[in-house]
């Protein structure tokens, strides 16, 4: 099979994992060759017709490469754990002195963040008393509703109802608007005057700014992003992946203790 077809197959595999070529783009680089977008599309279609197994093999190779990169990043993180502070104003669930703290940097307009809600609850059920979940807001600039949603959730937090408010927002993103926030606050029995004042307050804005500053300074550019006892986990991984990290952390000796 010629190198051109192999290159196209690799590009096609990559397109399953990265955003599509922008409509405005006219030329695309394939190795050292630059071709126009329409020619690339036609060539990919031809490769699919001529040798679909080549594309399948390229996709498998690509997935294996990404898995290897992810594992290497995880090992590097264990060698160089991050230090992320947990501040009193950060919503948290679970024992304060739990051996494992999961810090989640999230965005209310991110569907991948929504996927992690049940994953986190399942992990807390799997490790009763051993996990503390801490929520930090990192609303991305391209998500127009994310910042106001974060402010509303923190306003609910100031009345002790953060997690219920958070869960309802992730369950129905059509509520990411002024009317939606007020309705959810009413459903939870919040004091509306206090809720409205808090979500527009400088105090709540400062919490989000601090969270975003921590994300930026630690190069946590995407959401969801988790820091588990300093170990970075990027993306909406499944329970098995999180469990692998948590089990490894729990197996480590407690500082100051002596193994028998």
Protein backbone atom coordinates (compact mmCIF):
# COMPACT_ATOMS: atom_id res chain seq x y z
CA UNK A 1 0.00 0.00 0.00
CA UNK A 2 1.50 3.37 -1.00
CA UNK A 3 2.56 6.02 1.53
CA UNK A 4 -0.03 8.48 0.23
CA UNK A 5 -2.93 6.20 1.15
CA UNK A 6 -1.35 5.47 4.51
CA UNK A 7 -1.02 9.19 5.21
CA UNK A 8 -4.65 9.77 4.27
CA UNK A 9 -5.76 6.91 6.49
CA UNK A 10 -3.86 8.42 9.40
CA UNK A 11 -5.45 11.82 8.78
CA UNK A 12 -8.88 10.19 8.69
CA UNK A 13 -8.19 8.42 11.99
CA UNK A 14 -7.16 11.73 13.52
CA UNK A 15 -10.38 13.37 12.44
CA UNK A 16 -12.31 11.01 14.71
CA UNK A 17 -10.53 12.50 17.71
CA UNK A 18 -9.99 16.16 16.76
CA UNK A 19 -12.35 18.88 15.50
CA UNK A 20 -13.23 18.82 11.83
CA UNK A 21 -11.34 20.92 9.34
CA UNK A 22 -12.78 24.46 9.61
CA UNK A 23 -15.04 25.42 6.74
CA UNK A 24 -12.86 28.47 6.13
CA UNK A 25 -9.76 26.32 5.62
CA UNK A 26 -8.84 25.82 1.98
CA UNK A 27 -5.58 23.90 2.29
CA UNK A 28 -4.60 21.03 4.57
CA UNK A 29 -1.10 19.72 5.28
CA UNK A 30 -0.64 15.94 4.99
CA UNK A 31 2.94 15.21 5.95
CA UNK A 32 5.08 17.36 3.69
CA UNK A 33 2.33 17.73 1.08
CA UNK A 34 -0.28 20.51 1.07
CA UNK A 35 -3.54 19.90 -0.78
CA UNK A 36 -6.84 21.72 -0.93
CA UNK A 37 -9.65 20.60 1.35
CA UNK A 38 -11.94 19.22 -1.36
CA UNK A 39 -9.17 17.10 -2.84
CA UNK A 40 -8.41 15.73 0.62
CA UNK A 41 -12.07 14.81 1.18
CA UNK A 42 -12.30 13.06 -2.16
CA UNK A 43 -9.07 11.17 -1.54
CA UNK A 44 -10.25 10.00 1.89
CA UNK A 45 -13.49 8.71 0.38
CA UNK A 46 -11.45 6.80 -2.20
CA UNK A 47 -9.25 5.26 0.49
CA UNK A 48 -12.36 4.09 2.32
CA UNK A 49 -13.58 2.39 -0.85
CA UNK A 50 -10.24 0.88 -1.83
CA UNK A 51 -8.99 -0.38 1.50
CA UNK A 52 -11.24 0.12 4.53
CA UNK A 53 -8.99 -2.19 6.59
CA UNK A 54 -6.15 0.30 6.19
CA UNK A 55 -8.27 2.98 7.85
CA UNK A 56 -9.29 0.55 10.59
CA UNK A 57 -5.64 -0.33 11.26
CA UNK A 58 -4.64 3.34 11.24
CA UNK A 59 -7.39 4.16 13.75
CA UNK A 60 -6.28 1.33 16.03
CA UNK A 61 -2.66 2.47 15.82
CA UNK A 62 -3.74 6.04 16.57
CA UNK A 63 -5.75 4.95 19.62
CA UNK A 64 -2.81 2.92 20.92
CA UNK A 65 -0.52 5.90 20.49
CA UNK A 66 -2.93 8.17 22.36
CA UNK A 67 -3.28 5.59 25.15
CA UNK A 68 0.50 5.39 25.42
CA UNK A 69 0.76 9.16 25.60
CA UNK A 70 -1.94 9.27 28.29
CA UNK A 71 -0.14 6.64 30.36
CA UNK A 72 3.15 8.52 30.07
CA UNK A 73 1.46 11.74 31.16
CA UNK A 74 -0.01 9.90 34.16
CA UNK A 75 3.40 8.55 35.16
CA UNK A 76 4.91 12.01 34.84
CA UNK A 77 2.15 13.38 37.05
CA UNK A 78 2.91 10.83 39.78
CA UNK A 79 6.53 11.97 39.69
CA UNK A 80 5.60 15.67 39.72
CA UNK A 81 2.23 16.10 41.49
CA UNK A 82 0.55 19.48 41.48
CA UNK A 83 -0.25 21.47 44.60
CA UNK A 84 -3.76 22.90 44.31
CA UNK A 85 -5.20 24.62 47.40
CA UNK A 86 -8.68 23.83 48.66
CA UNK A 87 -10.20 27.07 49.92
CA UNK A 88 -13.12 27.27 52.36
CA UNK A 89 -15.30 28.84 49.68
CA UNK A 90 -14.83 25.87 47.31
CA UNK A 91 -17.84 23.51 47.44
CA UNK A 92 -16.82 20.09 48.70
CA UNK A 93 -18.43 16.74 49.44
CA UNK A 94 -16.98 13.98 51.60
CA UNK A 95 -14.77 13.91 54.70
CA UNK A 96 -12.39 16.85 54.99
CA UNK A 97 -9.59 14.49 56.08
CA UNK A 98 -10.27 11.83 53.44
CA UNK A 99 -7.04 10.21 52.18
CA UNK A 100 -7.87 11.14 48.58
CA UNK A 101 -9.06 14.56 47.42
CA UNK A 102 -10.49 14.88 43.92
CA UNK A 103 -10.40 18.49 42.71
CA UNK A 104 -12.59 18.98 39.65
CA UNK A 105 -12.15 21.99 37.35
CA UNK A 106 -15.47 22.27 35.52
CA UNK A 107 -17.64 24.32 33.18
CA UNK A 108 -21.44 24.25 33.36
CA UNK A 109 -21.82 24.52 29.58
CA UNK A 110 -19.55 21.53 28.92
CA UNK A 111 -21.39 18.28 28.06
CA UNK A 112 -18.29 16.26 28.96
CA UNK A 113 -18.35 17.79 32.44
CA UNK A 114 -21.98 16.71 32.75
CA UNK A 115 -20.94 13.13 31.98
CA UNK A 116 -18.69 13.06 35.04
CA UNK A 117 -21.47 13.78 37.56
CA UNK A 118 -22.57 10.15 37.84
CA UNK A 119 -18.96 8.95 37.61
CA UNK A 120 -18.00 10.99 40.67
CA UNK A 121 -21.02 9.81 42.66
CA UNK A 122 -20.21 6.20 41.74
CA UNK A 123 -16.63 6.65 42.89
CA UNK A 124 -17.75 8.07 46.23
CA UNK A 125 -20.00 5.05 46.66
CA UNK A 126 -17.12 2.74 45.74
CA UNK A 127 -14.73 4.36 48.22
CA UNK A 128 -16.94 5.33 51.19
CA UNK A 129 -15.21 7.73 53.53
CA UNK A 130 -12.03 7.76 51.45
CA UNK A 131 -12.82 10.46 48.88
CA UNK A 132 -13.38 14.17 49.12
CA UNK A 133 -14.74 15.88 46.01
CA UNK A 134 -13.95 19.56 45.56
CA UNK A 135 -15.55 21.64 42.81
CA UNK A 136 -13.72 24.51 41.14
CA UNK A 137 -15.11 26.65 38.34
CA UNK A 138 -13.20 27.13 35.10
CA UNK A 139 -15.80 28.60 32.70
CA UNK A 140 -14.28 28.70 29.24
CA UNK A 141 -14.42 31.97 27.27
CA UNK A 142 -16.17 30.32 24.30
CA UNK A 143 -19.08 29.20 26.52
CA UNK A 144 -21.25 32.29 26.82
CA UNK A 145 -23.47 30.98 29.63
CA UNK A 146 -20.81 29.25 31.73
CA UNK A 147 -19.70 32.19 33.85
CA UNK A 148 -23.20 33.24 34.92
CA UNK A 149 -24.04 29.59 35.65
CA UNK A 150 -20.97 29.33 37.89
CA UNK A 151 -22.01 32.47 39.76
CA UNK A 152 -25.53 31.12 40.25
CA UNK A 153 -24.22 27.78 41.55
CA UNK A 154 -21.92 29.52 44.03
CA UNK A 155 -24.81 31.69 45.16
CA UNK A 156 -26.74 28.48 45.87
CA UNK A 157 -23.66 27.22 47.71
CA UNK A 158 -23.82 30.18 50.08
CA UNK A 159 -27.24 28.85 51.12
CA UNK A 160 -25.98 25.28 51.42
CA UNK A 161 -27.54 23.92 48.21
CA UNK A 162 -24.65 23.87 45.75
CA UNK A 163 -24.68 20.19 44.84
CA UNK A 164 -28.41 20.04 44.18
CA UNK A 165 -28.21 23.20 42.07
CA UNK A 166 -25.16 21.88 40.19
CA UNK A 167 -26.81 18.55 39.44
CA UNK A 168 -29.94 20.19 38.08
CA UNK A 169 -27.93 22.48 35.80
CA UNK A 170 -25.97 19.58 34.35
CA UNK A 171 -29.14 17.52 33.96
CA UNK A 172 -30.81 20.21 31.84
CA UNK A 173 -28.57 22.75 30.12
CA UNK A 174 -31.61 24.57 28.78
CA UNK A 175 -31.73 26.09 32.28
CA UNK A 176 -28.50 28.02 31.65
CA UNK A 177 -30.23 31.38 31.56
CA UNK A 178 -31.64 34.01 33.91
CA UNK A 179 -35.10 32.47 34.12
CA UNK A 180 -33.62 29.01 34.64
CA UNK A 181 -31.41 30.07 37.55
CA UNK A 182 -34.29 31.79 39.31
CA UNK A 183 -36.62 28.82 38.78
CA UNK A 184 -34.07 26.36 40.15
CA UNK A 185 -33.50 28.61 43.16
CA UNK A 186 -37.26 28.66 43.79
CA UNK A 187 -37.43 24.86 43.44
CA UNK A 188 -34.73 24.51 46.10
CA UNK A 189 -36.46 26.94 48.43
CA UNK A 190 -33.64 29.48 48.38
CA UNK A 191 -34.09 33.04 49.55
CA UNK A 192 -34.34 34.74 46.15
CA UNK A 193 -33.22 38.18 47.28
CA UNK A 194 -30.08 36.71 48.83
CA UNK A 195 -29.52 34.41 45.87
CA UNK A 196 -29.73 37.25 43.34
CA UNK A 197 -27.50 39.50 45.40
CA UNK A 198 -24.88 36.79 45.93
CA UNK A 199 -24.57 35.75 42.30
CA UNK A 200 -23.92 39.36 41.35
CA UNK A 201 -21.52 39.97 44.22
CA UNK A 202 -17.80 40.66 44.10
CA UNK A 203 -17.21 37.88 46.64
CA UNK A 204 -18.60 35.20 44.32
CA UNK A 205 -16.75 36.65 41.31
CA UNK A 206 -13.48 36.47 43.27
CA UNK A 207 -13.96 32.76 43.95
CA UNK A 208 -14.28 32.04 40.23
CA UNK A 209 -11.33 34.29 39.36
CA UNK A 210 -9.18 32.42 41.90
CA UNK A 211 -10.24 29.05 40.48
CA UNK A 212 -9.46 30.17 36.94
CA UNK A 213 -6.11 31.53 38.06
CA UNK A 214 -5.18 28.14 39.52
CA UNK A 215 -6.21 26.42 36.30
CA UNK A 216 -4.14 28.84 34.21
CA UNK A 217 -1.04 28.72 36.41
CA UNK A 218 -1.06 24.91 36.32
CA UNK A 219 -1.69 24.76 32.56
CA UNK A 220 -5.11 23.10 32.97
CA UNK A 221 -6.51 24.48 29.74
CA UNK A 222 -9.48 22.20 29.14
CA UNK A 223 -12.51 20.90 31.05
CA UNK A 224 -13.23 18.64 32.73
CA UNK A 225 -9.84 18.42 34.41
CA UNK A 226 -9.26 16.56 37.67
CA UNK A 227 -6.40 16.81 40.13
CA UNK A 228 -6.41 13.79 42.46
CA UNK A 229 -3.95 14.25 45.31
CA UNK A 230 -1.92 16.25 42.84
CA UNK A 231 -2.26 13.72 40.00
CA UNK A 232 -3.69 15.15 36.78
CA UNK A 233 -6.53 13.35 34.99
CA UNK A 234 -7.72 15.07 31.84
CA UNK A 235 -11.17 14.53 30.40
CA UNK A 236 -14.28 12.49 31.18
CA UNK A 237 -12.52 9.21 31.89
CA UNK A 238 -14.50 6.15 32.97
CA UNK A 239 -14.74 4.75 36.49
CA UNK A 240 -12.07 2.14 35.79
CA UNK A 241 -9.49 4.80 34.92
CA UNK A 242 -10.24 6.89 37.99
CA UNK A 243 -10.18 3.76 40.15
CA UNK A 244 -6.73 2.85 38.87
CA UNK A 245 -5.41 6.23 39.99
CA UNK A 246 -7.26 6.17 43.33
CA UNK A 247 -6.20 2.59 44.16
CA UNK A 248 -2.60 3.50 43.46
CA UNK A 249 -2.84 6.53 45.74
CA UNK A 250 -4.51 4.56 48.52
CA UNK A 251 -1.75 1.95 48.31
CA UNK A 252 0.92 4.55 48.97
CA UNK A 253 2.21 4.76 52.56
CA UNK A 254 0.76 7.56 54.65
CA UNK A 255 3.44 10.22 55.35
CA UNK A 256 4.94 9.64 58.78
CA UNK A 257 3.73 6.04 59.02
CA UNK A 258 5.90 2.90 58.99
CA UNK A 259 4.97 -0.11 56.92
CA UNK A 260 4.76 -3.33 58.94
